[in-house]
Every structure is written in structure tokens, then in C-alpha cells.
Amino acid sequence: MNHLTAAPQTIEGGFDSGSPGLPSPRPSHVKPGFRFPHASTRSCKSANEAAYHEKTSMTPESPLTRPRSTVRIQDILIALIFGALVILAHDAREGSLLAGLAFMQLVEGRATWLDTRWGRATSILLQLLICYLILAWPRQSPNGEKYFPLASEYYTVLLLPVVSTATYLGVAGTVATSLATIAAYLSFLLPTYIDYSHGDYLDPDAIHTLVVRCLLLAVCALMVNSLGEARRTESARYKKTAEQLAVANKNLIDAEAAVRRSERLAALGQLSAGLAHELRNPLGSIRGSAEMLVRSTAKEGAVTRELAQIISDEVDRTNSLVTRFLDFARPLEPRRETTDVTSVIDRAAKHARVAIITNYSPDVPPLEIDPTLMEQVFINLLTNAAQASAADAPITVATRVVKDEAEIFIVDRGCGIPADRIETIFNPFVTTKQNGVGLGLAIVAKIIDGHGGRMAVESEPGKGSTFRIYLPIPK
């Protein structure tokens, strides 16, 4: 039997191993002193298993969905067990310490302040302090035996701060807490707790038991840390999967919205094409009749000629609108040619009668584009920039290479676009102009999409806008 021997005149009684881990008073004929229970190894292992099950049971099968305020059966059991320990406590002071330790165990994984590094460190230090006080506080047994903290029935509570650290922190934190806990336990060897001057001493068996307890505590810590690491890895995987599912769900919703929008636009395009075709025939008749009216009434007066000219002009404007409807509705098939995009920009500026400041990069190679369609793109963008800007405001057009794309951006210093319109300006029939139809930018976006490119816009009301076109560079 492992034991620490004390002088007979100093110690009148001792402890023996009754039940595992729970010392009982020894008979008076047994040699004075106290003994470590044989079941120390088994109790350490069982404490490790119980602590692991206690901690891991706090994590449900889906840790991302469990609300922290849920009361679980484990919490009730922990409260009942600690309640029994409080009732069995030797005095009120010991009961209050056990109650405090119970509270710390119940808030594990629930209090948000414990999610921070400092919060976790504070919780572990508080648990270690409470456990130390439970062991260190002096008390007298009913038969007057001297109390030795090293042989306390509560020594297994030192596993709680170690298990908490191993569950939530990494290897470094687990090792540090294990060393601190072992140091706290070994501090009971100080003369404050063992009176070496009166003959108390540790025999080799007691030293052996003490070393085994410390090593098993470290083993338990590392085992729980290994299991906790697996739990943390699994939780991180669940979290990453949930984030990916959230992104995929958002993309799916956006795709469904895009499909519905495409279906509506397709139906609208078919309607527009049919309507435009039906309108062109009467428009031709009206224009021809107006021209004949002008010729037949040339001698009758200026008023008649002016009215006939108004009819002819309005017919031309309506026909232009119908043409734009058809351009938007008909399928787009670019006739690609290897073309210098800067020449297309210069030609578009000339046709739109817009003065521009150019900054072309020589690194931009010729692109595979449809010159006619791209000229229409630049005419629309330059016309919009000129209409949004003051008469003397500069309009800048620049090109450069961005990775494997050619970027063309048009910068104006006009009125800008309201923030709530930025996301919709490329939709058909959306316009910021009082007399606009809202097809210009929609046609531009359709042409750029047909070339495998993309568009972006930046605008600040009152300061101007920048339209960026990205076209693929042929390999």
C-alpha cells in the first residue's frame, strides 16, 4: 500500500482505500499517516472518459444549427450531480466552491465571451483556482484526523480545467494548462501543507503514486485534446460546407431570377419584333403620302408644306425607334474581323460628332470583333456621355490590357447616375433621360455579350460616370 508516513505523536489517524477514489477512516491499529487509493489510475481514466463524453455531448450532430440557449439533458444531469456534491460538502465554504465550479461547467460553450481567447483563458484560470481552493482549504475530519490535500477525495476535479482547455484550445494551450495544473497539485508538497519538521515525509510508494497521478493527468489532457481537435476540424468543415451551400443557394436564386428575366425579355423581344414589323408598313405609307402632299401643295402655302414636313420627320423618328426595337429583338450574330479597336472608336466619335480625349495603350492588340456592331456600341456610349455632360466638359476614352482582356473605358464629367439605377441601366426600357426609350444601353450590353465580353459602370452623382468594356484578347 502506497503511503506517506507521519510521526506518531503528531498524527492520530489516517485514511485507507475503502471504495475506489473515496478514502475512508482507517482503524486505530493501522500505522499513522495517510494512503493514496489503489484506484487512482482507474479513476483518472474514468474521469477522462466522463469528461470527454461530457464535453463532446455538448456538441450536437449539427453544431451550426443548435441555439446556445437550449437546455439539454446533459446540463440537467450536471446540475443534479453537482447538487449532490454540494449537499455532501463538509461545510458551506466547500459547497459554494463546488457550486461555482458547476456554474463554470454549465456556461462552457454557451457564454459568447468565452469564444474569445482572453475569455477562454479567464474561464480556465477561474476553474483552476476553484479546484485548487477546494483541495487546499483546511478542514478537520469527524475523528480528528489531519487533512492532507494530496489525499483529498476531490483531487480528480483538477481534470476539469485541463479537459476544458483540451476541448477548446490547441496543443500548446493544453500542455501549458496541464503543466500549471500539475504544478498546482505538486504545490501541496510545500511545508505549508505538510509539516516536515514534525516528521511528516513521503515514502517511495507515495512518490510513485504522485508521479503516476501527474502523468495520467497529462495523458488525459492530450487524449481529450486529440478528440477535441477532431471535433474542431469537423466543425470547421461543417461551417465551410454551410458557407459554400449559402453561396450556392444565392447563386441558384440569382440564376433563377436571370432565367425568369431572360424568359420575359425573350417574350418581349418577340412581341417587339412583331409589333415593329406591323408598324413599318403603315409608316412607309404615311411617309410616302406626306411627300406626295408636299409636292402637290407646293404652290398653296408655307403652312401646308411645314405640316407635311413635320409628318415626314415624325415618321422618320418613329421608324428609327422601330429599328432599335428590331435591333434589340433579333438574334445577334457578330461577323468577327481582326480589327484595331481604336480605329472603330475614332470612327464612332466622328459619326456621333463628339470630341474626345484619347489615351490608347500600344499593348492592346487587334481584336476579333464585328466593326459595325462595335461602332454602334461606341456611338451609343459617346452620345450618352455627351448628353450627360456640359458642352465644354471633356470626354476621355482610354484602352489598356488587363490580364487576358482588353479594357476600353469611357469617362465623362457629367451629372452621373443615381445609385439606385446603377444595377438596372442595362435592362431594356430603363432610362434616366426624360425623352429616352431605354434601349440604347440594353443593345450595347447585348452586343458586348455577343462578343464574349462584359461591362461595368462606376458613377457618382454630380461628378460623372465611367463605362468599362472588357473584350477577350485572341490567343
Protein backbone atom coordinates (compact mmCIF):
# COMPACT_ATOMS: atom_id res chain seq x y z
CA MET A 1 0.00 0.00 0.00
CA ASN A 2 1.40 3.36 -1.02
CA HIS A 3 1.55 5.76 1.86
CA LEU A 4 3.13 8.85 3.31
CA THR A 5 4.31 8.27 6.89
CA ALA A 6 3.97 10.85 9.66
CA ALA A 7 5.34 10.89 13.23
CA PRO A 8 3.00 9.02 15.67
CA GLN A 9 2.91 11.85 18.20
CA THR A 10 1.74 14.32 15.53
CA ILE A 11 -0.91 12.42 13.56
CA GLU A 12 -3.52 10.39 15.36
CA GLY A 13 -5.27 8.81 12.39
CA GLY A 14 -5.23 8.36 8.63
CA PHE A 15 -7.10 7.23 5.53
CA ASP A 16 -7.36 3.91 3.80
CA SER A 17 -8.81 2.85 0.49
CA GLY A 18 -12.43 2.00 1.02
CA SER A 19 -14.18 2.46 -2.28
CA PRO A 20 -12.26 3.44 -5.42
CA GLY A 21 -11.18 7.07 -5.25
CA LEU A 22 -13.09 7.66 -1.98
CA PRO A 23 -10.90 7.20 1.17
CA SER A 24 -12.47 6.03 4.39
CA PRO A 25 -11.27 6.26 8.02
CA ARG A 26 -8.80 3.57 8.89
CA PRO A 27 -8.82 1.53 12.15
CA SER A 28 -6.69 2.77 15.03
CA HIS A 29 -4.28 -0.16 14.79
CA VAL A 30 -3.14 0.87 11.27
CA LYS A 31 0.16 2.73 11.13
CA PRO A 32 -0.42 6.52 11.38
CA GLY A 33 -0.34 8.51 8.16
CA PHE A 34 -2.48 8.62 5.01
CA ARG A 35 -2.61 6.44 1.94
CA PHE A 36 -3.41 7.01 -1.75
CA PRO A 37 -6.26 4.84 -3.01
CA HIS A 38 -5.33 1.95 -5.32
CA ALA A 39 -7.95 3.11 -7.82
CA SER A 40 -6.16 6.33 -8.75
CA THR A 41 -5.32 5.06 -12.24
CA ARG A 42 -8.81 3.77 -12.87
CA SER A 43 -10.47 6.91 -11.52
CA CYS A 44 -8.25 9.09 -13.72
CA LYS A 45 -9.18 7.08 -16.79
CA SER A 46 -12.88 7.11 -15.95
CA ALA A 47 -12.70 10.82 -15.27
CA ASN A 48 -11.07 11.30 -18.65
CA GLU A 49 -13.82 9.32 -20.37
CA ALA A 50 -16.58 11.07 -18.42
CA ALA A 51 -15.07 14.47 -19.11
CA TYR A 52 -14.74 13.69 -22.80
CA HIS A 53 -18.34 12.47 -23.05
CA GLU A 54 -19.44 15.49 -21.06
CA LYS A 55 -17.69 17.88 -23.42
CA THR A 56 -18.44 16.14 -26.68
CA SER A 57 -22.07 15.69 -25.73
CA MET A 58 -22.34 19.43 -25.70
CA THR A 59 -21.75 19.35 -29.46
CA PRO A 60 -24.79 18.07 -31.39
CA GLU A 61 -24.67 16.32 -34.70
CA SER A 62 -25.08 19.70 -36.39
CA PRO A 63 -23.21 22.24 -34.30
CA LEU A 64 -24.14 25.02 -36.68
CA THR A 65 -27.85 24.79 -36.00
CA ARG A 66 -28.05 24.35 -32.21
CA PRO A 67 -29.01 27.55 -30.37
CA ARG A 68 -26.83 28.24 -27.34
CA SER A 69 -29.81 28.82 -25.07
CA THR A 70 -31.12 25.23 -25.45
CA VAL A 71 -31.32 23.30 -22.18
CA ARG A 72 -30.00 19.78 -22.74
CA ILE A 73 -30.36 16.64 -20.71
CA GLN A 74 -26.61 16.78 -20.03
CA ASP A 75 -27.00 20.18 -18.36
CA ILE A 76 -29.70 18.80 -16.08
CA LEU A 77 -27.56 15.82 -15.16
CA ILE A 78 -24.52 18.00 -14.46
CA ALA A 79 -26.63 20.26 -12.26
CA LEU A 80 -28.05 17.27 -10.35
CA ILE A 81 -24.62 15.67 -9.81
CA PHE A 82 -23.05 18.90 -8.62
CA GLY A 83 -26.10 19.48 -6.46
CA ALA A 84 -25.44 16.15 -4.77
CA LEU A 85 -21.80 17.12 -4.28
CA VAL A 86 -22.87 20.42 -2.70
CA ILE A 87 -25.14 18.53 -0.29
CA LEU A 88 -22.30 16.16 0.60
CA ALA A 89 -19.83 19.01 1.12
CA HIS A 90 -18.13 19.24 4.53
CA ASP A 91 -19.12 22.87 5.05
CA ALA A 92 -20.79 25.83 3.37
CA ARG A 93 -17.49 27.15 2.02
CA GLU A 94 -16.78 23.88 0.20
CA GLY A 95 -20.35 23.76 -1.10
CA SER A 96 -20.09 27.28 -2.52
CA LEU A 97 -16.87 26.41 -4.33
CA LEU A 98 -18.49 23.31 -5.82
CA ALA A 99 -21.49 25.41 -6.88
CA GLY A 100 -19.13 27.89 -8.57
CA LEU A 101 -17.38 25.05 -10.38
CA ALA A 102 -20.78 23.71 -11.52
CA PHE A 103 -21.66 27.13 -12.90
CA MET A 104 -18.40 27.27 -14.87
CA GLN A 105 -19.12 23.86 -16.39
CA LEU A 106 -22.67 24.83 -17.37
CA VAL A 107 -21.63 28.03 -19.17
CA GLU A 108 -18.95 26.20 -21.21
CA GLY A 109 -19.79 26.60 -24.89
CA ARG A 110 -22.70 28.95 -24.14
CA ALA A 111 -21.40 32.32 -22.98
CA THR A 112 -20.28 34.35 -26.01
CA TRP A 113 -17.42 35.96 -24.10
CA LEU A 114 -15.85 32.51 -23.83
CA ASP A 115 -15.43 32.44 -27.61
CA THR A 116 -12.54 34.91 -27.35
CA ARG A 117 -9.02 33.86 -26.43
CA TRP A 118 -8.97 36.01 -23.29
CA GLY A 119 -12.41 34.79 -22.27
CA ARG A 120 -11.35 31.18 -22.60
CA ALA A 121 -8.11 31.81 -20.66
CA THR A 122 -10.08 33.56 -17.89
CA SER A 123 -12.53 30.66 -17.64
CA ILE A 124 -9.72 28.12 -17.37
CA LEU A 125 -7.89 30.15 -14.72
CA LEU A 126 -11.09 30.52 -12.69
CA GLN A 127 -11.74 26.78 -12.86
CA LEU A 128 -8.16 26.02 -11.82
CA LEU A 129 -8.40 28.48 -8.92
CA ILE A 130 -11.69 26.99 -7.69
CA CYS A 131 -10.31 23.45 -7.92
CA TYR A 132 -7.18 24.49 -6.03
CA LEU A 133 -9.23 26.10 -3.26
CA ILE A 134 -11.43 23.01 -2.97
CA LEU A 135 -8.31 20.91 -2.34
CA ALA A 136 -6.32 23.43 -0.30
CA TRP A 137 -8.89 24.73 2.16
CA PRO A 138 -8.10 23.11 5.54
CA ARG A 139 -10.74 21.07 7.29
CA GLN A 140 -10.92 18.52 10.10
CA SER A 141 -12.45 15.09 9.77
CA PRO A 142 -15.03 13.95 12.37
CA ASN A 143 -12.48 11.68 14.07
CA GLY A 144 -9.91 14.48 14.32
CA GLU A 145 -7.53 13.25 11.62
CA LYS A 146 -5.25 15.76 9.98
CA TYR A 147 -6.23 16.79 6.42
CA PHE A 148 -3.73 16.24 3.61
CA PRO A 149 -4.69 17.94 0.27
CA LEU A 150 -2.69 15.36 -1.70
CA ALA A 151 -5.06 12.63 -0.47
CA SER A 152 -8.27 14.62 -0.90
CA GLU A 153 -11.20 12.83 -2.44
CA TYR A 154 -11.61 15.87 -4.71
CA TYR A 155 -8.24 15.60 -6.44
CA THR A 156 -9.90 14.48 -9.71
CA VAL A 157 -11.56 17.91 -10.07
CA LEU A 158 -8.20 19.08 -11.40
CA LEU A 159 -9.17 17.30 -14.60
CA LEU A 160 -11.94 19.84 -15.31
CA PRO A 161 -9.78 22.86 -16.31
CA VAL A 162 -7.48 20.53 -18.23
CA VAL A 163 -10.39 18.98 -20.13
CA SER A 164 -11.83 22.43 -20.88
CA THR A 165 -8.53 23.56 -22.33
CA ALA A 166 -8.03 20.36 -24.31
CA THR A 167 -11.54 20.60 -25.77
CA TYR A 168 -11.44 24.19 -26.98
CA LEU A 169 -7.75 25.11 -27.40
CA GLY A 170 -4.76 23.67 -29.22
CA VAL A 171 -1.83 21.54 -28.13
CA ALA A 172 0.18 24.47 -26.76
CA GLY A 173 -2.68 25.61 -24.53
CA THR A 174 -3.32 22.04 -23.40
CA VAL A 175 0.32 21.48 -22.45
CA ALA A 176 0.51 24.82 -20.64
CA THR A 177 -2.67 24.16 -18.65
CA SER A 178 -1.56 20.61 -17.84
CA LEU A 179 1.78 21.86 -16.50
CA ALA A 180 0.02 24.58 -14.48
CA THR A 181 -2.43 22.03 -13.04
CA ILE A 182 0.35 19.58 -12.17
CA ALA A 183 2.32 22.40 -10.57
CA ALA A 184 -0.74 23.39 -8.54
CA TYR A 185 -1.18 19.80 -7.37
CA LEU A 186 2.50 19.42 -6.50
CA SER A 187 2.38 22.67 -4.54
CA PHE A 188 0.67 20.68 -1.80
CA LEU A 189 4.11 19.23 -1.07
CA LEU A 190 5.16 22.59 0.32
CA PRO A 191 5.71 22.88 4.09
CA THR A 192 2.50 24.89 4.26
CA TYR A 193 0.55 21.66 3.80
CA ILE A 194 2.99 19.01 5.10
CA ASP A 195 4.80 19.62 8.38
CA TYR A 196 8.21 18.13 7.63
CA SER A 197 9.62 19.45 10.92
CA HIS A 198 7.33 17.10 12.88
CA GLY A 199 8.34 14.01 10.96
CA ASP A 200 5.90 14.02 8.00
CA TYR A 201 7.58 12.64 4.91
CA LEU A 202 6.91 10.96 1.57
CA ASP A 203 7.95 7.35 1.26
CA PRO A 204 8.90 5.88 -2.17
CA ASP A 205 5.43 4.39 -2.73
CA ALA A 206 3.77 7.76 -2.13
CA ILE A 207 6.20 9.45 -4.54
CA HIS A 208 5.47 6.76 -7.15
CA THR A 209 1.71 7.27 -6.80
CA LEU A 210 2.11 11.02 -7.01
CA VAL A 211 4.15 10.79 -10.23
CA VAL A 212 1.65 8.37 -11.77
CA ARG A 213 -1.23 10.74 -10.99
CA CYS A 214 0.56 13.66 -12.64
CA LEU A 215 1.47 11.67 -15.73
CA LEU A 216 -2.05 10.30 -16.11
CA LEU A 217 -3.43 13.81 -15.84
CA ALA A 218 -1.17 14.84 -18.75
CA VAL A 219 -2.19 11.75 -20.74
CA CYS A 220 -5.87 12.52 -20.20
CA ALA A 221 -5.29 16.10 -21.37
CA LEU A 222 -3.58 15.02 -24.58
CA MET A 223 -6.20 12.37 -25.33
CA VAL A 224 -9.06 14.84 -24.92
CA ASN A 225 -7.14 17.41 -26.97
CA SER A 226 -6.79 14.88 -29.78
CA LEU A 227 -10.52 14.21 -29.72
CA GLY A 228 -11.26 17.92 -29.40
CA GLU A 229 -9.05 18.65 -32.40
CA ALA A 230 -11.05 16.16 -34.44
CA ARG A 231 -14.24 17.85 -33.25
CA ARG A 232 -12.94 21.32 -34.15
CA THR A 233 -11.84 20.10 -37.57
CA GLU A 234 -15.27 18.60 -38.18
CA SER A 235 -16.98 21.80 -37.02
CA ALA A 236 -14.77 23.86 -39.35
CA ARG A 237 -15.68 21.52 -42.19
CA TYR A 238 -19.39 21.89 -41.36
CA LYS A 239 -19.03 25.66 -41.27
CA LYS A 240 -17.18 25.76 -44.59
CA THR A 241 -19.79 23.48 -46.15
CA ALA A 242 -22.59 25.69 -44.82
CA GLU A 243 -20.92 28.79 -46.27
CA GLN A 244 -20.49 27.06 -49.62
CA LEU A 245 -24.14 25.98 -49.57
CA ALA A 246 -25.19 29.54 -48.76
CA VAL A 247 -23.19 30.87 -51.71
CA ALA A 248 -24.54 28.12 -53.97
CA ASN A 249 -28.08 28.87 -52.83
CA LYS A 250 -27.61 32.57 -53.54
CA ASN A 251 -26.16 31.79 -56.97
CA LEU A 252 -29.10 29.48 -57.65
CA ILE A 253 -31.59 32.18 -56.69
CA ASP A 254 -29.75 34.69 -58.90
CA ALA A 255 -29.69 32.17 -61.75
CA GLU A 256 -33.42 31.52 -61.40
CA ALA A 257 -34.07 35.26 -61.43
CA ALA A 258 -31.87 35.62 -64.51
CA VAL A 259 -33.75 32.80 -66.26
CA ARG A 260 -37.09 34.39 -65.46
CA ARG A 261 -35.78 37.75 -66.67
CA SER A 262 -34.48 36.13 -69.86
CA GLU A 263 -37.83 34.50 -70.47
CA ARG A 264 -39.61 37.82 -70.02
CA LEU A 265 -37.13 39.55 -72.31
CA ALA A 266 -37.48 36.82 -74.91
CA ALA A 267 -41.25 37.20 -74.89
CA LEU A 268 -40.88 40.95 -75.03
CA GLY A 269 -38.44 40.64 -77.93
CA GLN A 270 -40.86 38.51 -79.91
CA LEU A 271 -43.64 40.97 -79.22
CA SER A 272 -41.43 43.90 -80.18
CA ALA A 273 -40.33 42.26 -83.42
CA GLY A 274 -43.90 41.53 -84.42
CA LEU A 275 -45.08 44.99 -83.47
CA ALA A 276 -42.21 46.70 -85.27
CA HIS A 277 -42.83 44.71 -88.41
CA GLU A 278 -46.51 45.65 -88.38
CA LEU A 279 -45.69 49.31 -87.81
CA ARG A 280 -43.20 49.68 -90.63
CA ASN A 281 -45.70 49.15 -93.42
CA PRO A 282 -48.11 51.91 -92.34
CA LEU A 283 -45.16 54.18 -91.56
CA GLY A 284 -43.91 53.79 -95.13
CA SER A 285 -47.35 54.62 -96.43
CA ILE A 286 -47.62 57.70 -94.21
CA ARG A 287 -44.20 58.96 -95.29
CA GLY A 288 -44.97 58.44 -98.96
CA SER A 289 -48.29 60.23 -98.57
CA ALA A 290 -46.57 63.14 -96.79
CA GLU A 291 -44.06 63.51 -99.62
CA MET A 292 -46.81 63.48 -102.22
CA LEU A 293 -48.70 66.06 -100.15
CA VAL A 294 -45.67 68.34 -100.13
CA ARG A 295 -45.28 68.12 -103.91
CA SER A 296 -48.98 68.63 -104.60
CA THR A 297 -49.32 71.63 -102.32
CA ALA A 298 -46.04 73.34 -103.18
CA LYS A 299 -47.89 76.38 -104.52
CA GLU A 300 -50.61 76.64 -101.89
CA GLY A 301 -48.64 77.95 -98.92
CA ALA A 302 -45.80 77.52 -96.44
CA VAL A 303 -48.06 76.25 -93.64
CA THR A 304 -49.11 73.20 -95.60
CA ARG A 305 -45.52 72.42 -96.53
CA GLU A 306 -44.42 72.80 -92.90
CA LEU A 307 -47.11 70.44 -91.62
CA ALA A 308 -46.23 67.88 -94.27
CA GLN A 309 -42.57 68.15 -93.29
CA ILE A 310 -43.48 67.60 -89.63
CA ILE A 311 -45.34 64.44 -90.61
CA SER A 312 -42.31 63.22 -92.56
CA ASP A 313 -39.89 63.98 -89.71
CA GLU A 314 -42.02 62.24 -87.10
CA VAL A 315 -42.35 59.24 -89.34
CA ASP A 316 -38.56 59.11 -89.62
CA ARG A 317 -38.21 59.32 -85.82
CA THR A 318 -40.80 56.59 -85.30
CA ASN A 319 -39.09 54.43 -87.90
CA SER A 320 -35.78 54.89 -86.08
CA LEU A 321 -37.43 53.73 -82.85
CA VAL A 322 -38.87 50.71 -84.63
CA THR A 323 -35.41 49.92 -85.99
CA ARG A 324 -33.99 49.97 -82.49
CA PHE A 325 -36.74 47.61 -81.34
CA LEU A 326 -35.77 45.23 -84.11
CA ASP A 327 -32.08 45.55 -83.32
CA PHE A 328 -32.78 44.56 -79.75
CA ALA A 329 -35.17 41.75 -80.61
CA ARG A 330 -33.37 40.00 -83.46
CA PRO A 331 -30.71 37.33 -82.71
CA LEU A 332 -27.21 38.73 -82.63
CA GLU A 333 -24.51 37.05 -84.73
CA PRO A 334 -21.34 39.18 -84.85
CA ARG A 335 -19.32 39.00 -88.05
CA ARG A 336 -15.89 38.96 -86.49
CA GLU A 337 -12.88 40.52 -88.12
CA THR A 338 -9.40 41.18 -86.81
CA THR A 339 -9.77 44.90 -86.17
CA ASP A 340 -7.91 47.68 -84.42
CA VAL A 341 -10.45 48.77 -81.83
CA THR A 342 -9.03 52.32 -81.67
CA SER A 343 -9.98 52.93 -85.31
CA VAL A 344 -13.53 51.83 -84.52
CA ILE A 345 -13.62 54.26 -81.56
CA ASP A 346 -12.34 57.17 -83.69
CA ARG A 347 -14.88 56.44 -86.41
CA ALA A 348 -17.69 56.26 -83.85
CA ALA A 349 -16.66 59.60 -82.32
CA LYS A 350 -16.70 61.20 -85.77
CA HIS A 351 -20.15 59.83 -86.59
CA ALA A 352 -21.51 60.84 -83.18
CA ARG A 353 -19.89 64.29 -83.55
CA VAL A 354 -18.33 64.05 -80.11
CA ALA A 355 -14.89 65.44 -79.31
CA ILE A 356 -12.89 63.01 -77.19
CA ILE A 357 -9.54 62.88 -75.43
CA THR A 358 -7.82 59.59 -76.20
CA ASN A 359 -5.28 57.60 -74.23
CA TYR A 360 -4.70 54.41 -76.18
CA SER A 361 -2.27 51.79 -74.93
CA PRO A 362 0.05 50.33 -77.56
CA ASP A 363 -0.14 46.99 -75.75
CA VAL A 364 -3.71 46.34 -76.90
CA PRO A 365 -3.55 44.02 -79.95
CA PRO A 366 -6.14 43.83 -82.74
CA LEU A 367 -9.34 42.16 -81.54
CA GLU A 368 -11.74 39.70 -83.13
CA ILE A 369 -14.84 41.93 -83.26
CA ASP A 370 -17.65 42.99 -85.56
CA PRO A 371 -16.62 46.56 -86.53
CA THR A 372 -20.16 47.64 -87.40
CA LEU A 373 -21.70 46.42 -84.16
CA MET A 374 -18.86 47.75 -82.01
CA GLU A 375 -19.12 51.11 -83.75
CA GLN A 376 -22.78 51.20 -82.73
CA VAL A 377 -21.69 50.44 -79.14
CA PHE A 378 -19.26 53.34 -79.03
CA ILE A 379 -21.70 55.72 -80.77
CA ASN A 380 -24.32 54.99 -78.10
CA LEU A 381 -21.87 55.37 -75.20
CA LEU A 382 -20.25 58.55 -76.57
CA THR A 383 -23.65 60.08 -77.33
CA ASN A 384 -24.84 59.34 -73.80
CA ALA A 385 -21.65 60.82 -72.35
CA ALA A 386 -22.03 63.98 -74.40
CA GLN A 387 -25.69 64.39 -73.46
CA ALA A 388 -24.88 63.92 -69.75
CA SER A 389 -22.01 66.43 -69.78
CA ALA A 390 -21.75 70.16 -70.19
CA ALA A 391 -20.83 71.49 -73.63
CA ASP A 392 -17.18 72.13 -72.70
CA ALA A 393 -16.74 69.08 -70.42
CA PRO A 394 -14.06 66.64 -71.64
CA ILE A 395 -14.84 63.04 -72.54
CA THR A 396 -11.94 60.62 -72.23
CA VAL A 397 -11.58 57.27 -73.97
CA ALA A 398 -8.69 55.01 -72.98
CA THR A 399 -7.58 51.45 -73.58
CA ARG A 400 -5.29 49.06 -71.75
CA VAL A 401 -4.62 45.36 -71.24
CA VAL A 402 -5.96 43.74 -68.06
CA LYS A 403 -4.77 40.11 -67.77
CA ASP A 404 -6.20 38.39 -70.86
CA GLU A 405 -8.72 41.11 -71.71
CA ALA A 406 -8.67 44.45 -73.45
CA GLU A 407 -10.30 47.17 -71.36
CA ILE A 408 -11.90 50.19 -73.03
CA PHE A 409 -13.28 52.81 -70.68
CA ILE A 410 -15.19 55.98 -71.44
CA VAL A 411 -15.09 58.70 -68.78
CA ASP A 412 -17.38 61.72 -68.66
CA ARG A 413 -17.74 64.55 -66.12
CA GLY A 414 -21.48 64.78 -66.38
CA CYS A 415 -24.40 64.52 -63.99
CA GLY A 416 -23.76 60.90 -63.09
CA ILE A 417 -26.24 58.09 -62.49
CA PRO A 418 -28.28 57.72 -59.27
CA ALA A 419 -27.08 54.86 -57.08
CA ASP A 420 -30.46 53.09 -57.22
CA ARG A 421 -30.29 52.97 -61.04
CA ILE A 422 -26.79 51.53 -61.47
CA GLU A 423 -27.91 47.88 -61.33
CA THR A 424 -30.73 48.34 -63.86
CA ILE A 425 -29.39 50.70 -66.53
CA PHE A 426 -28.61 47.81 -68.89
CA ASN A 427 -32.18 46.49 -68.70
CA PRO A 428 -34.47 47.40 -71.58
CA PHE A 429 -36.77 50.40 -71.16
CA VAL A 430 -34.74 51.78 -68.25
CA THR A 431 -33.55 55.32 -68.88
CA THR A 432 -32.57 58.42 -66.94
CA LYS A 433 -33.46 60.72 -69.85
CA GLN A 434 -36.78 62.49 -69.92
CA ASN A 435 -37.47 61.59 -73.56
CA GLY A 436 -35.42 58.41 -73.73
CA VAL A 437 -36.75 54.98 -74.66
CA GLY A 438 -34.26 52.90 -72.65
CA LEU A 439 -32.99 50.62 -75.39
CA GLY A 440 -29.59 52.12 -76.09
CA LEU A 441 -27.63 50.56 -73.22
CA ALA A 442 -29.65 47.35 -73.48
CA ILE A 443 -28.50 46.99 -77.11
CA VAL A 444 -24.93 47.86 -76.07
CA ALA A 445 -24.95 45.15 -73.39
CA LYS A 446 -26.38 42.63 -75.85
CA ILE A 447 -23.64 43.36 -78.40
CA ILE A 448 -20.88 43.09 -75.80
CA ASP A 449 -22.35 39.79 -74.52
CA GLY A 450 -22.40 38.53 -78.11
CA HIS A 451 -18.65 39.22 -78.33
CA GLY A 452 -17.98 37.24 -75.14
CA GLY A 453 -17.19 40.42 -73.21
CA ARG A 454 -18.58 42.13 -70.17
CA MET A 455 -19.37 45.63 -68.95
CA ALA A 456 -19.06 47.55 -65.72
CA VAL A 457 -20.09 51.03 -64.73
CA GLU A 458 -18.95 53.37 -61.98
CA SER A 459 -20.80 56.60 -61.32
CA GLU A 460 -21.09 59.30 -58.72
CA PRO A 461 -23.98 61.75 -59.00
CA GLY A 462 -22.72 65.21 -59.87
CA LYS A 463 -19.20 64.06 -60.78
CA GLY A 464 -19.60 61.80 -63.79
CA SER A 465 -19.57 58.20 -64.92
CA THR A 466 -17.11 55.62 -66.22
CA PHE A 467 -18.26 52.82 -68.53
CA ARG A 468 -15.81 49.94 -68.86
CA ILE A 469 -15.87 47.37 -71.65
CA TYR A 470 -13.82 44.17 -71.38
CA LEU A 471 -13.25 42.19 -74.57
CA PRO A 472 -11.27 38.93 -74.82
CA ILE A 473 -7.85 39.11 -76.44
CA PRO A 474 -7.37 36.44 -79.10
CA LYS A 475 -4.72 33.86 -78.24
